[in-house]
PDB file of all heavy atoms in Angstrom:
ATOM      1  N   THR A   1     -36.278 -56.077-111.918  1.00  0.00           N
ATOM      2  CA  THR A   1     -36.676 -57.413-112.370  1.00  0.00           C
ATOM      3  C   THR A   1     -36.676 -58.436-111.237  1.00  0.00           C
ATOM      4  O   THR A   1     -37.417 -59.401-111.287  1.00  0.00           O
ATOM      5  CB  THR A   1     -35.747 -57.907-113.486  1.00  0.00           C
ATOM      6  OG1 THR A   1     -34.400 -57.853-113.008  1.00  0.00           O
ATOM      7  CG2 THR A   1     -35.885 -57.050-114.725  1.00  0.00           C
ATOM      8  N   ALA A   2     -35.863 -58.240-110.206  1.00  0.00           N
ATOM      9  CA  ALA A   2     -35.712 -59.237-109.145  1.00  0.00           C
ATOM     10  C   ALA A   2     -36.489 -58.886-107.878  1.00  0.00           C
ATOM     11  O   ALA A   2     -36.346 -59.565-106.875  1.00  0.00           O
ATOM     12  CB  ALA A   2     -34.241 -59.414-108.819  1.00  0.00           C
ATOM     13  N   GLY A   3     -37.278 -57.845-107.895  1.00  0.00           N
ATOM     14  CA  GLY A   3     -38.074 -57.485-106.729  1.00  0.00           C
ATOM     15  C   GLY A   3     -37.432 -56.496-105.789  1.00  0.00           C
ATOM     16  O   GLY A   3     -38.029 -56.100-104.793  1.00  0.00           O
ATOM     17  N   SER A   4     -36.198 -56.061-106.070  1.00  0.00           N
ATOM     18  CA  SER A   4     -35.552 -55.036-105.249  1.00  0.00           C
ATOM     19  C   SER A   4     -34.607 -54.214-106.120  1.00  0.00           C
ATOM     20  O   SER A   4     -34.199 -54.644-107.193  1.00  0.00           O
ATOM     21  CB  SER A   4     -34.787 -55.661-104.086  1.00  0.00           C
ATOM     22  OG  SER A   4     -33.728 -56.440-104.563  1.00  0.00           O
ATOM     23  N   PHE A   5     -34.296 -53.029-105.649  1.00  0.00           N
ATOM     24  CA  PHE A   5     -33.379 -52.159-106.366  1.00  0.00           C
ATOM     25  C   PHE A   5     -32.552 -51.361-105.382  1.00  0.00           C
ATOM     26  O   PHE A   5     -32.854 -51.290-104.195  1.00  0.00           O
ATOM     27  CB  PHE A   5     -34.123 -51.233-107.340  1.00  0.00           C
ATOM     28  CG  PHE A   5     -35.013 -50.222-106.689  1.00  0.00           C
ATOM     29  CD1 PHE A   5     -34.556 -48.938-106.426  1.00  0.00           C
ATOM     30  CD2 PHE A   5     -36.324 -50.537-106.343  1.00  0.00           C
ATOM     31  CE1 PHE A   5     -35.377 -47.999-105.831  1.00  0.00           C
ATOM     32  CE2 PHE A   5     -37.155 -49.609-105.748  1.00  0.00           C
ATOM     33  CZ  PHE A   5     -36.681 -48.327-105.495  1.00  0.00           C
ATOM     34  N   ILE A   6     -31.482 -50.767-105.890  1.00  0.00           N
ATOM     35  CA  ILE A   6     -30.569 -49.952-105.094  1.00  0.00           C
ATOM     36  C   ILE A   6     -30.646 -48.524-105.599  1.00  0.00           C
ATOM     37  O   ILE A   6     -30.700 -48.280-106.800  1.00  0.00           O
ATOM     38  CB  ILE A   6     -29.129 -50.480-105.202  1.00  0.00           C
ATOM     39  CG1 ILE A   6     -29.039 -51.867-104.577  1.00  0.00           C
ATOM     40  CG2 ILE A   6     -28.138 -49.529-104.543  1.00  0.00           C
ATOM     41  CD1 ILE A   6     -27.704 -52.538-104.772  1.00  0.00           C
ATOM     42  N   ILE A   7     -30.653 -47.574-104.663  1.00  0.00           N
ATOM     43  CA  ILE A   7     -30.637 -46.154-105.015  1.00  0.00           C
ATOM     44  C   ILE A   7     -29.224 -45.621-104.813  1.00  0.00           C
ATOM     45  O   ILE A   7     -28.651 -45.785-103.736  1.00  0.00           O
ATOM     46  CB  ILE A   7     -31.626 -45.347-104.157  1.00  0.00           C
ATOM     47  CG1 ILE A   7     -33.055 -45.791-104.436  1.00  0.00           C
ATOM     48  CG2 ILE A   7     -31.465 -43.846-104.418  1.00  0.00           C
ATOM     49  CD1 ILE A   7     -34.095 -45.078-103.591  1.00  0.00           C
ATOM     50  N   ARG A   8     -28.681 -45.016-105.868  1.00  0.00           N
ATOM     51  CA  ARG A   8     -27.399 -44.313-105.749  1.00  0.00           C
ATOM     52  C   ARG A   8     -27.722 -42.882-105.347  1.00  0.00           C
ATOM     53  O   ARG A   8     -28.393 -42.159-106.081  1.00  0.00           O
ATOM     54  CB  ARG A   8     -26.621 -44.368-107.053  1.00  0.00           C
ATOM     55  CG  ARG A   8     -26.077 -45.769-107.327  1.00  0.00           C
ATOM     56  CD  ARG A   8     -25.235 -45.833-108.563  1.00  0.00           C
ATOM     57  NE  ARG A   8     -26.129 -45.855-109.724  1.00  0.00           N
ATOM     58  CZ  ARG A   8     -25.857 -45.307-110.886  1.00  0.00           C
ATOM     59  NH1 ARG A   8     -24.724 -44.678-111.066  1.00  0.00           N
ATOM     60  NH2 ARG A   8     -26.711 -45.379-111.885  1.00  0.00           N
ATOM     61  N   LEU A   9     -27.268 -42.490-104.175  1.00  0.00           N
ATOM     62  CA  LEU A   9     -27.608 -41.178-103.634  1.00  0.00           C
ATOM     63  C   LEU A   9     -26.896 -40.059-104.379  1.00  0.00           C
ATOM     64  O   LEU A   9     -25.723 -40.187-104.744  1.00  0.00           O
ATOM     65  CB  LEU A   9     -27.233 -41.112-102.153  1.00  0.00           C
ATOM     66  CG  LEU A   9     -27.980 -42.072-101.238  1.00  0.00           C
ATOM     67  CD1 LEU A   9     -27.415 -41.988 -99.835  1.00  0.00           C
ATOM     68  CD2 LEU A   9     -29.456 -41.774-101.231  1.00  0.00           C
ATOM     69  N   PRO A  10     -27.585 -38.922-104.598  1.00  0.00           N
ATOM     70  CA  PRO A  10     -26.935 -37.763-105.225  1.00  0.00           C
ATOM     71  C   PRO A  10     -25.997 -37.085-104.229  1.00  0.00           C
ATOM     72  O   PRO A  10     -26.028 -37.374-103.029  1.00  0.00           O
ATOM     73  CB  PRO A  10     -28.123 -36.859-105.586  1.00  0.00           C
ATOM     74  CG  PRO A  10     -29.183 -37.227-104.616  1.00  0.00           C
ATOM     75  CD  PRO A  10     -28.998 -38.690-104.332  1.00  0.00           C
ATOM     76  N   GLU A  11     -25.158 -36.202-104.722  1.00  0.00           N
ATOM     77  CA  GLU A  11     -24.180 -35.506-103.883  1.00  0.00           C
ATOM     78  C   GLU A  11     -24.838 -34.809-102.689  1.00  0.00           C
ATOM     79  O   GLU A  11     -24.269 -34.771-101.611  1.00  0.00           O
ATOM     80  CB  GLU A  11     -23.401 -34.478-104.707  1.00  0.00           C
ATOM     81  CG  GLU A  11     -22.459 -35.101-105.707  1.00  0.00           C
ATOM     82  CD  GLU A  11     -21.370 -35.931-105.064  1.00  0.00           C
ATOM     83  OE1 GLU A  11     -20.840 -35.536-104.004  1.00  0.00           O
ATOM     84  OE2 GLU A  11     -21.052 -37.001-105.614  1.00  0.00           O
ATOM     85  N   LEU A  12     -26.032 -34.289-102.896  1.00  0.00           N
ATOM     86  CA  LEU A  12     -26.757 -33.569-101.846  1.00  0.00           C
ATOM     87  C   LEU A  12     -26.999 -34.432-100.616  1.00  0.00           C
ATOM     88  O   LEU A  12     -26.971 -33.950 -99.497  1.00  0.00           O
ATOM     89  CB  LEU A  12     -28.103 -33.078-102.408  1.00  0.00           C
ATOM     90  CG  LEU A  12     -29.058 -32.385-101.460  1.00  0.00           C
ATOM     91  CD1 LEU A  12     -28.532 -30.994-101.146  1.00  0.00           C
ATOM     92  CD2 LEU A  12     -30.430 -32.300-102.062  1.00  0.00           C
ATOM     93  N   LEU A  13     -27.204 -35.732-100.820  1.00  0.00           N
ATOM     94  CA  LEU A  13     -27.562 -36.621 -99.713  1.00  0.00           C
ATOM     95  C   LEU A  13     -26.495 -37.652 -99.369  1.00  0.00           C
ATOM     96  O   LEU A  13     -26.722 -38.501 -98.514  1.00  0.00           O
ATOM     97  CB  LEU A  13     -28.874 -37.352-100.060  1.00  0.00           C
ATOM     98  CG  LEU A  13     -30.097 -36.471-100.280  1.00  0.00           C
ATOM     99  CD1 LEU A  13     -31.278 -37.303-100.736  1.00  0.00           C
ATOM    100  CD2 LEU A  13     -30.450 -35.707 -99.020  1.00  0.00           C
ATOM    101  N   LYS A  14     -25.305 -37.579 -99.971  1.00  0.00           N
ATOM    102  CA  LYS A  14     -24.267 -38.591 -99.729  1.00  0.00           C
ATOM    103  C   LYS A  14     -23.760 -38.586 -98.298  1.00  0.00           C
ATOM    104  O   LYS A  14     -23.431 -39.623 -97.765  1.00  0.00           O
ATOM    105  CB  LYS A  14     -23.106 -38.397-100.686  1.00  0.00           C
ATOM    106  CG  LYS A  14     -23.410 -38.973-102.034  1.00  0.00           C
ATOM    107  CD  LYS A  14     -22.187 -39.354-102.761  1.00  0.00           C
ATOM    108  CE  LYS A  14     -22.671 -39.901-104.075  1.00  0.00           C
ATOM    109  NZ  LYS A  14     -21.800 -40.629-104.813  1.00  0.00           N
ATOM    110  N   ASN A  15     -23.668 -37.429 -97.665  1.00  0.00           N
ATOM    111  CA  ASN A  15     -23.116 -37.339 -96.321  1.00  0.00           C
ATOM    112  C   ASN A  15     -24.179 -37.408 -95.239  1.00  0.00           C
ATOM    113  O   ASN A  15     -23.879 -37.179 -94.073  1.00  0.00           O
ATOM    114  CB  ASN A  15     -22.303 -36.050 -96.177  1.00  0.00           C
ATOM    115  CG  ASN A  15     -21.107 -36.044 -97.108  1.00  0.00           C
ATOM    116  OD1 ASN A  15     -20.529 -37.088 -97.387  1.00  0.00           O
ATOM    117  ND2 ASN A  15     -20.756 -34.880 -97.610  1.00  0.00           N
ATOM    118  N   VAL A  16     -25.401 -37.743 -95.608  1.00  0.00           N
ATOM    119  CA  VAL A  16     -26.502 -37.827 -94.662  1.00  0.00           C
ATOM    120  C   VAL A  16     -26.618 -39.271 -94.187  1.00  0.00           C
ATOM    121  O   VAL A  16     -26.530 -40.203 -94.980  1.00  0.00           O
ATOM    122  CB  VAL A  16     -27.830 -37.378 -95.326  1.00  0.00           C
ATOM    123  CG1 VAL A  16     -28.996 -37.538 -94.388  1.00  0.00           C
ATOM    124  CG2 VAL A  16     -27.707 -35.933 -95.793  1.00  0.00           C
ATOM    125  N   ALA A  17     -26.811 -39.450 -92.887  1.00  0.00           N
ATOM    126  CA  ALA A  17     -26.977 -40.800 -92.349  1.00  0.00           C
ATOM    127  C   ALA A  17     -28.272 -41.412 -92.871  1.00  0.00           C
ATOM    128  O   ALA A  17     -29.287 -40.723 -92.981  1.00  0.00           O
ATOM    129  CB  ALA A  17     -27.001 -40.744 -90.826  1.00  0.00           C
ATOM    130  N   GLU A  18     -28.231 -42.708 -93.194  1.00  0.00           N
ATOM    131  CA  GLU A  18     -29.414 -43.376 -93.740  1.00  0.00           C
ATOM    132  C   GLU A  18     -30.592 -43.329 -92.776  1.00  0.00           C
ATOM    133  O   GLU A  18     -31.733 -43.347 -93.193  1.00  0.00           O
ATOM    134  CB  GLU A  18     -29.095 -44.835 -94.097  1.00  0.00           C
ATOM    135  CG  GLU A  18     -28.354 -44.986 -95.388  1.00  0.00           C
ATOM    136  CD  GLU A  18     -28.279 -46.429 -95.849  1.00  0.00           C
ATOM    137  OE1 GLU A  18     -28.830 -47.320 -95.167  1.00  0.00           O
ATOM    138  OE2 GLU A  18     -27.668 -46.665 -96.894  1.00  0.00           O
ATOM    139  N   GLU A  19     -30.322 -43.250 -91.463  1.00  0.00           N
ATOM    140  CA  GLU A  19     -31.398 -43.218 -90.476  1.00  0.00           C
ATOM    141  C   GLU A  19     -32.248 -41.957 -90.578  1.00  0.00           C
ATOM    142  O   GLU A  19     -33.398 -41.945 -90.146  1.00  0.00           O
ATOM    143  CB  GLU A  19     -30.834 -43.317 -89.050  1.00  0.00           C
ATOM    144  CG  GLU A  19     -30.059 -44.571 -88.767  1.00  0.00           C
ATOM    145  CD  GLU A  19     -28.607 -44.482 -89.221  1.00  0.00           C
ATOM    146  OE1 GLU A  19     -27.981 -43.416 -89.070  1.00  0.00           O
ATOM    147  OE2 GLU A  19     -28.113 -45.491 -89.748  1.00  0.00           O
ATOM    148  N   SER A  20     -31.690 -40.895 -91.130  1.00  0.00           N
ATOM    149  CA  SER A  20     -32.444 -39.644 -91.228  1.00  0.00           C
ATOM    150  C   SER A  20     -33.084 -39.440 -92.596  1.00  0.00           C
ATOM    151  O   SER A  20     -33.614 -38.382 -92.882  1.00  0.00           O
ATOM    152  CB  SER A  20     -31.548 -38.449 -90.895  1.00  0.00           C
ATOM    153  OG  SER A  20     -30.550 -38.304 -91.868  1.00  0.00           O
ATOM    154  N   LEU A  21     -33.058 -40.484 -93.452  1.00  0.00           N
ATOM    155  CA  LEU A  21     -33.699 -40.402 -94.767  1.00  0.00           C
ATOM    156  C   LEU A  21     -35.011 -41.173 -94.755  1.00  0.00           C
ATOM    157  O   LEU A  21     -35.098 -42.259 -94.183  1.00  0.00           O
ATOM    158  CB  LEU A  21     -32.785 -40.973 -95.853  1.00  0.00           C
ATOM    159  CG  LEU A  21     -31.531 -40.181 -96.168  1.00  0.00           C
ATOM    160  CD1 LEU A  21     -30.668 -40.935 -97.168  1.00  0.00           C
ATOM    161  CD2 LEU A  21     -31.874 -38.816 -96.708  1.00  0.00           C
ATOM    162  N   ASN A  22     -36.009 -40.602 -95.408  1.00  0.00           N
ATOM    163  CA  ASN A  22     -37.320 -41.222 -95.542  1.00  0.00           C
ATOM    164  C   ASN A  22     -37.601 -41.419 -97.025  1.00  0.00           C
ATOM    165  O   ASN A  22     -37.351 -40.524 -97.826  1.00  0.00           O
ATOM    166  CB  ASN A  22     -38.384 -40.335 -94.902  1.00  0.00           C
ATOM    167  CG  ASN A  22     -39.705 -41.032 -94.774  1.00  0.00           C
ATOM    168  OD1 ASN A  22     -39.753 -42.241 -94.568  1.00  0.00           O
ATOM    169  ND2 ASN A  22     -40.781 -40.283 -94.876  1.00  0.00           N
ATOM    170  N   ILE A  23     -38.137 -42.603 -97.402  1.00  0.00           N
ATOM    171  CA  ILE A  23     -38.428 -42.889 -98.800  1.00  0.00           C
ATOM    172  C   ILE A  23     -39.933 -42.949 -99.013  1.00  0.00           C
ATOM    173  O   ILE A  23     -40.663 -43.502 -98.193  1.00  0.00           O
ATOM    174  CB  ILE A  23     -37.764 -44.207 -99.265  1.00  0.00           C
ATOM    175  CG1 ILE A  23     -37.997 -44.436-100.747  1.00  0.00           C
ATOM    176  CG2 ILE A  23     -38.223 -45.383 -98.441  1.00  0.00           C
ATOM    177  CD1 ILE A  23     -37.176 -45.552-101.345  1.00  0.00           C
ATOM    178  N   ASN A  24     -40.390 -42.315-100.090  1.00  0.00           N
ATOM    179  CA  ASN A  24     -41.786 -42.377-100.520  1.00  0.00           C
ATOM    180  C   ASN A  24     -41.817 -42.890-101.945  1.00  0.00           C
ATOM    181  O   ASN A  24     -41.061 -42.419-102.797  1.00  0.00           O
ATOM    182  CB  ASN A  24     -42.452 -40.998-100.495  1.00  0.00           C
ATOM    183  CG  ASN A  24     -42.640 -40.491 -99.092  1.00  0.00           C
ATOM    184  OD1 ASN A  24     -42.905 -41.248 -98.179  1.00  0.00           O
ATOM    185  ND2 ASN A  24     -42.497 -39.195 -98.920  1.00  0.00           N
ATOM    186  N   ILE A  25     -42.693 -43.857-102.204  1.00  0.00           N
ATOM    187  CA  ILE A  25     -42.911 -44.360-103.555  1.00  0.00           C
ATOM    188  C   ILE A  25     -44.364 -44.112-103.899  1.00  0.00           C
ATOM    189  O   ILE A  25     -45.261 -44.517-103.155  1.00  0.00           O
ATOM    190  CB  ILE A  25     -42.561 -45.861-103.680  1.00  0.00           C
ATOM    191  CG1 ILE A  25     -41.095 -46.086-103.305  1.00  0.00           C
ATOM    192  CG2 ILE A  25     -42.843 -46.352-105.093  1.00  0.00           C
ATOM    193  CD1 ILE A  25     -40.650 -47.527-103.346  1.00  0.00           C
ATOM    194  N   ILE A  26     -44.586 -43.414-105.014  1.00  0.00           N
ATOM    195  CA  ILE A  26     -45.926 -43.004-105.436  1.00  0.00           C
ATOM    196  C   ILE A  26     -46.236 -43.664-106.767  1.00  0.00           C
ATOM    197  O   ILE A  26     -45.415 -43.619-107.696  1.00  0.00           O
ATOM    198  CB  ILE A  26     -46.010 -41.469-105.549  1.00  0.00           C
ATOM    199  CG1 ILE A  26     -45.666 -40.846-104.201  1.00  0.00           C
ATOM    200  CG2 ILE A  26     -47.374 -41.022-106.032  1.00  0.00           C
ATOM    201  CD1 ILE A  26     -45.400 -39.375-104.256  1.00  0.00           C
ATOM    202  N   SER A  27     -47.418 -44.269-106.872  1.00  0.00           N
ATOM    203  CA  SER A  27     -47.811 -44.940-108.113  1.00  0.00           C
ATOM    204  C   SER A  27     -48.189 -43.913-109.168  1.00  0.00           C
ATOM    205  O   SER A  27     -48.349 -42.722-108.888  1.00  0.00           O
ATOM    206  CB  SER A  27     -48.983 -45.881-107.857  1.00  0.00           C
ATOM    207  OG  SER A  27     -50.143 -45.143-107.567  1.00  0.00           O
TER     208      SER A  27
END
């Protein structure tokens, strides 16, 4: 509703540095 959101990472990706994650959003 406010133009941004937060992703809670699953256990698989919790110990991964954010710099090595890539996000894709598909309509």
